[in-house]
Amino acid sequence: MKSLISELSTIWSEESVPFLVSGEHRLDIAQLENTPTADLTGIKAGDVVALVGDFEPTSIRTLFELIDRRAIVVPLTKQTVSQHGYFFETAHVTKVVSGTKLRDLPAGTTSLDLEEFKKRGSAGLVLFTSGTTG
C-alpha cells in the first residue's frame, strides 16, 4: 500500500502552488517529502498518540505517517503544555511525538468507546476545543 505522503506527492507533483497555507506560512509537497520525523516503527494501529506541534513540516509529515499507521492522533500545540497531562489522561494517550522525539507513557485506563473505535482498525482523531464558538 502506498503511503499518504507518496499519494499526495504524485497528485501534487505538477502543481506550482503551495500544498498547505496558513497565514504567511506556505509548504509545498517537496518540503514535506524531505522532512524528517520521529522513528514511528513502534506505533501500531489503534495506538493513541499525542502529536505536539504547530504548522511546521515535521508535525504535518508526522501526522500523515500516523494516519498511515492507523493510529488515533491527538493533535496538541506547544502553547497548551500546561494542560497536556489532562489531555493525555482524558484521551488515554500512550505515546507522545514532539518534533523528532517519541516517548512512551504508562498505560492507564481505557474507555469502552475508545476500545470500540480501535476494533475498526482505522486511523482516528481526537480533538479538544475550548468550547467557545468565536
N, C-alpha and C. Protein backbone atom coordinates (compact mmCIF):
# COMPACT_ATOMS: atom_id res chain seq x y z
N MET A 1 0.84 -1.18 0.00
CA MET A 1 0.00 0.00 0.00
C MET A 1 0.89 1.25 0.00
N LYS A 2 0.56 2.17 -0.85
CA LYS A 2 1.32 3.41 -0.98
C LYS A 2 1.03 4.32 0.21
N SER A 3 2.05 5.03 0.70
CA SER A 3 1.86 5.93 1.83
C SER A 3 1.08 7.18 1.40
N LEU A 4 0.47 7.81 2.37
CA LEU A 4 -0.30 9.03 2.11
C LEU A 4 0.60 10.12 1.51
N ILE A 5 1.79 10.27 2.03
CA ILE A 5 2.69 11.30 1.50
C ILE A 5 3.09 10.98 0.06
N SER A 6 3.26 9.70 -0.28
CA SER A 6 3.56 9.31 -1.66
C SER A 6 2.39 9.61 -2.58
N GLU A 7 1.19 9.30 -2.12
CA GLU A 7 -0.02 9.59 -2.91
C GLU A 7 -0.15 11.09 -3.16
N LEU A 8 0.04 11.87 -2.10
CA LEU A 8 -0.07 13.31 -2.24
C LEU A 8 1.03 13.87 -3.14
N SER A 9 2.21 13.32 -3.04
CA SER A 9 3.32 13.76 -3.90
C SER A 9 3.01 13.52 -5.37
N THR A 10 2.40 12.38 -5.67
CA THR A 10 2.02 12.07 -7.04
C THR A 10 0.97 13.07 -7.54
N ILE A 11 -0.01 13.34 -6.72
CA ILE A 11 -1.09 14.26 -7.10
C ILE A 11 -0.56 15.67 -7.29
N TRP A 12 0.34 16.11 -6.40
CA TRP A 12 0.82 17.49 -6.40
C TRP A 12 2.12 17.69 -7.17
N SER A 13 2.63 16.68 -7.83
CA SER A 13 3.94 16.78 -8.47
C SER A 13 4.03 17.87 -9.54
N GLU A 14 2.97 18.14 -10.21
CA GLU A 14 2.98 19.13 -11.29
C GLU A 14 2.45 20.49 -10.84
N GLU A 15 2.05 20.61 -9.59
CA GLU A 15 1.47 21.86 -9.11
C GLU A 15 2.55 22.88 -8.77
N SER A 16 2.28 24.13 -9.05
CA SER A 16 3.22 25.20 -8.73
C SER A 16 2.73 26.05 -7.56
N VAL A 17 1.60 25.67 -6.99
CA VAL A 17 1.06 26.39 -5.83
C VAL A 17 1.41 25.62 -4.57
N PRO A 18 1.44 26.28 -3.41
CA PRO A 18 1.75 25.58 -2.17
C PRO A 18 0.72 24.50 -1.86
N PHE A 19 1.17 23.46 -1.20
CA PHE A 19 0.29 22.36 -0.77
C PHE A 19 -0.56 22.79 0.42
N LEU A 20 0.04 23.49 1.38
CA LEU A 20 -0.67 23.99 2.57
C LEU A 20 -0.30 25.45 2.80
N VAL A 21 -1.30 26.23 3.23
CA VAL A 21 -1.08 27.64 3.51
C VAL A 21 -1.75 27.96 4.84
N SER A 22 -1.02 28.67 5.69
CA SER A 22 -1.57 29.16 6.95
C SER A 22 -1.00 30.56 7.18
N GLY A 23 -1.85 31.55 6.96
CA GLY A 23 -1.36 32.93 7.07
C GLY A 23 -0.25 33.16 6.08
N GLU A 24 0.91 33.55 6.58
CA GLU A 24 2.04 33.79 5.69
C GLU A 24 2.92 32.55 5.51
N HIS A 25 2.60 31.46 6.20
CA HIS A 25 3.37 30.22 6.09
C HIS A 25 2.87 29.41 4.91
N ARG A 26 3.80 28.91 4.12
CA ARG A 26 3.46 28.09 2.96
C ARG A 26 4.37 26.87 2.93
N LEU A 27 3.77 25.73 2.60
CA LEU A 27 4.53 24.49 2.47
C LEU A 27 4.22 23.87 1.13
N ASP A 28 5.26 23.42 0.44
CA ASP A 28 4.98 22.65 -0.76
C ASP A 28 5.24 21.18 -0.45
N ILE A 29 4.76 20.33 -1.29
CA ILE A 29 4.82 18.89 -1.03
C ILE A 29 6.25 18.39 -0.98
N ALA A 30 7.16 18.98 -1.74
CA ALA A 30 8.56 18.56 -1.71
C ALA A 30 9.17 18.79 -0.33
N GLN A 31 8.79 19.89 0.33
CA GLN A 31 9.29 20.14 1.68
C GLN A 31 8.87 19.01 2.62
N LEU A 32 7.62 18.59 2.49
CA LEU A 32 7.12 17.52 3.37
C LEU A 32 7.80 16.19 3.08
N GLU A 33 8.04 15.92 1.80
CA GLU A 33 8.70 14.66 1.44
C GLU A 33 10.09 14.54 2.06
N ASN A 34 10.77 15.65 2.19
CA ASN A 34 12.15 15.65 2.66
C ASN A 34 12.30 16.00 4.13
N THR A 35 11.20 16.00 4.86
CA THR A 35 11.22 16.38 6.27
C THR A 35 11.37 15.14 7.15
N PRO A 36 12.32 15.17 8.08
CA PRO A 36 12.47 14.02 9.00
C PRO A 36 11.37 14.01 10.05
N THR A 37 11.08 12.82 10.54
CA THR A 37 10.12 12.66 11.63
C THR A 37 10.75 11.78 12.70
N ALA A 38 10.01 11.58 13.77
CA ALA A 38 10.46 10.64 14.79
C ALA A 38 10.41 9.23 14.21
N ASP A 39 11.13 8.32 14.81
CA ASP A 39 11.06 6.91 14.42
C ASP A 39 9.73 6.37 14.94
N LEU A 40 8.81 6.12 14.04
CA LEU A 40 7.46 5.69 14.40
C LEU A 40 7.25 4.18 14.25
N THR A 41 8.31 3.43 14.08
CA THR A 41 8.16 1.99 13.83
C THR A 41 7.46 1.25 14.97
N GLY A 42 7.52 1.78 16.18
CA GLY A 42 6.87 1.12 17.31
C GLY A 42 5.38 1.41 17.44
N ILE A 43 4.86 2.29 16.59
CA ILE A 43 3.45 2.65 16.66
C ILE A 43 2.64 1.73 15.77
N LYS A 44 1.58 1.19 16.36
CA LYS A 44 0.73 0.26 15.62
C LYS A 44 -0.70 0.79 15.55
N ALA A 45 -1.49 0.17 14.72
CA ALA A 45 -2.89 0.57 14.56
C ALA A 45 -3.58 0.57 15.92
N GLY A 46 -4.32 1.63 16.18
CA GLY A 46 -5.07 1.74 17.43
C GLY A 46 -4.32 2.42 18.56
N ASP A 47 -3.01 2.63 18.42
CA ASP A 47 -2.28 3.37 19.46
C ASP A 47 -2.81 4.80 19.50
N VAL A 48 -2.94 5.33 20.70
CA VAL A 48 -3.38 6.72 20.87
C VAL A 48 -2.12 7.56 21.06
N VAL A 49 -1.87 8.42 20.08
CA VAL A 49 -0.62 9.17 20.02
C VAL A 49 -0.89 10.67 20.05
N ALA A 50 -0.33 11.35 21.05
CA ALA A 50 -0.40 12.81 21.08
C ALA A 50 0.69 13.35 20.15
N LEU A 51 0.31 14.25 19.28
CA LEU A 51 1.24 14.90 18.36
C LEU A 51 1.34 16.36 18.77
N VAL A 52 2.46 16.73 19.36
CA VAL A 52 2.67 18.09 19.85
C VAL A 52 3.42 18.88 18.81
N GLY A 53 2.79 19.91 18.28
CA GLY A 53 3.44 20.72 17.26
C GLY A 53 2.52 21.81 16.76
N ASP A 54 2.98 22.49 15.76
CA ASP A 54 2.24 23.59 15.17
C ASP A 54 2.29 23.43 13.65
N PHE A 55 2.05 24.51 12.92
CA PHE A 55 2.11 24.48 11.47
C PHE A 55 3.58 24.47 11.07
N GLU A 56 4.15 23.29 11.01
CA GLU A 56 5.56 23.11 10.68
C GLU A 56 5.70 21.79 9.93
N PRO A 57 6.66 21.70 9.04
CA PRO A 57 6.79 20.49 8.22
C PRO A 57 6.88 19.19 9.03
N THR A 58 7.65 19.18 10.11
CA THR A 58 7.82 17.94 10.88
C THR A 58 6.49 17.45 11.44
N SER A 59 5.70 18.34 12.01
CA SER A 59 4.41 17.94 12.59
C SER A 59 3.44 17.44 11.52
N ILE A 60 3.41 18.14 10.40
CA ILE A 60 2.48 17.76 9.33
C ILE A 60 2.89 16.43 8.72
N ARG A 61 4.16 16.24 8.47
CA ARG A 61 4.65 14.96 7.93
C ARG A 61 4.37 13.83 8.92
N THR A 62 4.59 14.08 10.21
CA THR A 62 4.33 13.07 11.23
C THR A 62 2.84 12.71 11.25
N LEU A 63 1.98 13.69 11.12
CA LEU A 63 0.54 13.42 11.09
C LEU A 63 0.21 12.45 9.96
N PHE A 64 0.74 12.69 8.77
CA PHE A 64 0.49 11.80 7.63
C PHE A 64 0.98 10.38 7.91
N GLU A 65 2.15 10.27 8.52
CA GLU A 65 2.69 8.94 8.82
C GLU A 65 1.87 8.22 9.90
N LEU A 66 1.36 8.98 10.87
CA LEU A 66 0.50 8.37 11.90
C LEU A 66 -0.81 7.88 11.28
N ILE A 67 -1.33 8.61 10.32
CA ILE A 67 -2.53 8.17 9.60
C ILE A 67 -2.23 6.87 8.86
N ASP A 68 -1.06 6.81 8.19
CA ASP A 68 -0.67 5.57 7.50
C ASP A 68 -0.62 4.38 8.46
N ARG A 69 -0.22 4.63 9.69
CA ARG A 69 -0.10 3.55 10.69
C ARG A 69 -1.43 3.27 11.39
N ARG A 70 -2.46 4.00 11.00
CA ARG A 70 -3.81 3.85 11.56
C ARG A 70 -3.83 4.11 13.07
N ALA A 71 -3.04 5.08 13.49
CA ALA A 71 -3.03 5.50 14.88
C ALA A 71 -4.21 6.43 15.14
N ILE A 72 -4.54 6.59 16.39
CA ILE A 72 -5.54 7.57 16.82
C ILE A 72 -4.73 8.78 17.29
N VAL A 73 -4.84 9.88 16.58
CA VAL A 73 -3.99 11.04 16.80
C VAL A 73 -4.71 12.09 17.64
N VAL A 74 -3.98 12.61 18.61
CA VAL A 74 -4.47 13.70 19.46
C VAL A 74 -3.54 14.89 19.21
N PRO A 75 -3.92 15.81 18.29
CA PRO A 75 -3.05 16.94 18.00
C PRO A 75 -3.11 17.98 19.12
N LEU A 76 -1.95 18.41 19.58
CA LEU A 76 -1.85 19.41 20.64
C LEU A 76 -0.81 20.45 20.24
N THR A 77 -0.95 21.64 20.77
CA THR A 77 0.03 22.68 20.48
C THR A 77 1.01 22.83 21.64
N LYS A 78 2.11 23.44 21.34
CA LYS A 78 3.12 23.70 22.37
C LYS A 78 2.60 24.71 23.40
N GLN A 79 1.67 25.56 22.99
CA GLN A 79 1.12 26.58 23.88
C GLN A 79 0.25 25.99 24.99
N THR A 80 -0.23 24.77 24.81
CA THR A 80 -1.11 24.16 25.82
C THR A 80 -0.36 23.17 26.71
N VAL A 81 0.96 23.28 26.78
CA VAL A 81 1.77 22.31 27.53
C VAL A 81 1.30 22.16 28.98
N SER A 82 0.81 23.21 29.60
CA SER A 82 0.35 23.12 30.98
C SER A 82 -0.87 22.23 31.12
N GLN A 83 -1.58 21.97 30.03
CA GLN A 83 -2.78 21.13 30.05
C GLN A 83 -2.53 19.73 29.47
N HIS A 84 -1.34 19.46 29.01
CA HIS A 84 -1.07 18.19 28.35
C HIS A 84 -1.37 16.99 29.24
N GLY A 85 -1.04 17.04 30.50
CA GLY A 85 -1.33 15.93 31.40
C GLY A 85 -2.81 15.57 31.39
N TYR A 86 -3.65 16.58 31.46
CA TYR A 86 -5.11 16.36 31.41
C TYR A 86 -5.51 15.75 30.07
N PHE A 87 -4.99 16.30 28.97
CA PHE A 87 -5.33 15.78 27.64
C PHE A 87 -4.86 14.33 27.49
N PHE A 88 -3.64 14.04 27.95
CA PHE A 88 -3.12 12.68 27.85
C PHE A 88 -4.02 11.70 28.59
N GLU A 89 -4.41 12.06 29.80
CA GLU A 89 -5.25 11.17 30.62
C GLU A 89 -6.64 11.01 30.01
N THR A 90 -7.24 12.11 29.61
CA THR A 90 -8.60 12.08 29.07
C THR A 90 -8.69 11.27 27.78
N ALA A 91 -7.69 11.41 26.91
CA ALA A 91 -7.70 10.72 25.61
C ALA A 91 -7.04 9.35 25.67
N HIS A 92 -6.50 8.97 26.85
CA HIS A 92 -5.83 7.67 27.03
C HIS A 92 -4.61 7.54 26.12
N VAL A 93 -3.83 8.61 26.05
CA VAL A 93 -2.62 8.66 25.23
C VAL A 93 -1.57 7.70 25.79
N THR A 94 -0.95 6.93 24.89
CA THR A 94 0.12 6.01 25.31
C THR A 94 1.48 6.39 24.72
N LYS A 95 1.48 7.29 23.72
CA LYS A 95 2.72 7.73 23.10
C LYS A 95 2.61 9.21 22.78
N VAL A 96 3.75 9.90 22.86
CA VAL A 96 3.79 11.33 22.56
C VAL A 96 4.90 11.58 21.55
N VAL A 97 4.56 12.29 20.48
CA VAL A 97 5.55 12.70 19.48
C VAL A 97 5.64 14.22 19.54
N SER A 98 6.87 14.71 19.69
CA SER A 98 7.13 16.14 19.66
C SER A 98 8.39 16.35 18.83
N GLY A 99 8.24 17.01 17.70
CA GLY A 99 9.37 17.16 16.78
C GLY A 99 9.78 15.79 16.26
N THR A 100 11.04 15.44 16.46
CA THR A 100 11.51 14.13 16.01
C THR A 100 11.71 13.18 17.20
N LYS A 101 11.09 13.50 18.32
CA LYS A 101 11.21 12.66 19.52
C LYS A 101 9.91 11.93 19.81
N LEU A 102 10.03 10.67 20.16
CA LEU A 102 8.88 9.84 20.53
C LEU A 102 9.13 9.32 21.94
N ARG A 103 8.10 9.41 22.79
CA ARG A 103 8.23 8.83 24.12
C ARG A 103 6.96 8.08 24.46
N ASP A 104 7.13 7.06 25.28
CA ASP A 104 6.01 6.24 25.75
C ASP A 104 5.49 6.79 27.07
N LEU A 105 4.19 6.67 27.27
CA LEU A 105 3.58 6.99 28.54
C LEU A 105 3.09 5.69 29.16
N PRO A 106 3.01 5.63 30.48
CA PRO A 106 2.47 4.42 31.09
C PRO A 106 1.03 4.20 30.66
N ALA A 107 0.69 2.97 30.40
CA ALA A 107 -0.69 2.65 30.01
C ALA A 107 -1.60 2.88 31.20
N GLY A 108 -2.66 3.59 30.98
CA GLY A 108 -3.65 3.83 32.03
C GLY A 108 -4.92 3.08 31.71
N THR A 109 -6.00 3.63 32.16
CA THR A 109 -7.30 3.02 31.87
C THR A 109 -7.66 3.32 30.42
N THR A 110 -8.66 2.68 29.96
CA THR A 110 -9.16 2.94 28.62
C THR A 110 -10.67 3.09 28.71
N SER A 111 -11.29 3.50 27.65
CA SER A 111 -12.74 3.67 27.66
C SER A 111 -13.36 2.68 26.69
N LEU A 112 -14.61 2.36 26.95
CA LEU A 112 -15.32 1.44 26.06
C LEU A 112 -15.46 2.03 24.67
N ASP A 113 -15.71 3.34 24.59
CA ASP A 113 -15.84 3.99 23.29
C ASP A 113 -14.53 3.88 22.50
N LEU A 114 -13.42 4.09 23.18
CA LEU A 114 -12.12 4.01 22.52
C LEU A 114 -11.82 2.59 22.07
N GLU A 115 -12.12 1.62 22.89
CA GLU A 115 -11.89 0.23 22.52
C GLU A 115 -12.73 -0.15 21.30
N GLU A 116 -13.95 0.30 21.27
CA GLU A 116 -14.82 0.02 20.12
C GLU A 116 -14.24 0.65 18.86
N PHE A 117 -13.73 1.86 19.00
CA PHE A 117 -13.13 2.55 17.86
C PHE A 117 -11.89 1.81 17.36
N LYS A 118 -11.06 1.34 18.30
CA LYS A 118 -9.84 0.62 17.94
C LYS A 118 -10.14 -0.65 17.15
N LYS A 119 -11.25 -1.30 17.45
CA LYS A 119 -11.63 -2.54 16.75
C LYS A 119 -11.85 -2.30 15.26
N ARG A 120 -12.21 -1.10 14.90
CA ARG A 120 -12.46 -0.77 13.49
C ARG A 120 -11.18 -0.79 12.66
N GLY A 121 -10.02 -0.54 13.30
CA GLY A 121 -8.74 -0.59 12.61
C GLY A 121 -8.46 0.59 11.71
N SER A 122 -9.18 1.68 11.90
CA SER A 122 -8.96 2.88 11.08
C SER A 122 -8.19 3.92 11.87
N ALA A 123 -7.60 4.85 11.16
CA ALA A 123 -6.98 5.99 11.83
C ALA A 123 -8.08 6.80 12.49
N GLY A 124 -7.70 7.54 13.52
CA GLY A 124 -8.70 8.35 14.23
C GLY A 124 -8.11 9.68 14.65
N LEU A 125 -8.99 10.55 15.10
CA LEU A 125 -8.59 11.88 15.50
C LEU A 125 -9.39 12.27 16.74
N VAL A 126 -8.68 12.72 17.78
CA VAL A 126 -9.32 13.21 18.99
C VAL A 126 -8.99 14.69 19.10
N LEU A 127 -10.02 15.52 19.12
CA LEU A 127 -9.82 16.96 19.18
C LEU A 127 -10.35 17.53 20.48
N PHE A 128 -9.58 18.42 21.09
CA PHE A 128 -10.01 19.16 22.27
C PHE A 128 -10.27 20.59 21.83
N THR A 129 -11.38 21.16 22.30
CA THR A 129 -11.69 22.55 21.99
C THR A 129 -11.95 23.29 23.29
N SER A 130 -11.93 24.59 23.19
CA SER A 130 -12.20 25.42 24.37
C SER A 130 -13.69 25.49 24.67
N GLY A 131 -14.51 25.05 23.72
CA GLY A 131 -15.95 25.10 23.92
C GLY A 131 -16.56 26.42 23.49
N THR A 132 -15.75 27.34 22.99
CA THR A 132 -16.29 28.61 22.52
C THR A 132 -16.56 28.52 21.04
N THR A 133 -17.36 29.45 20.56
CA THR A 133 -17.69 29.44 19.13
C THR A 133 -17.03 30.59 18.40
N GLY A 134 -16.24 31.41 19.08
CA GLY A 134 -15.65 32.60 18.47
C GLY A 134 -14.44 32.28 17.68
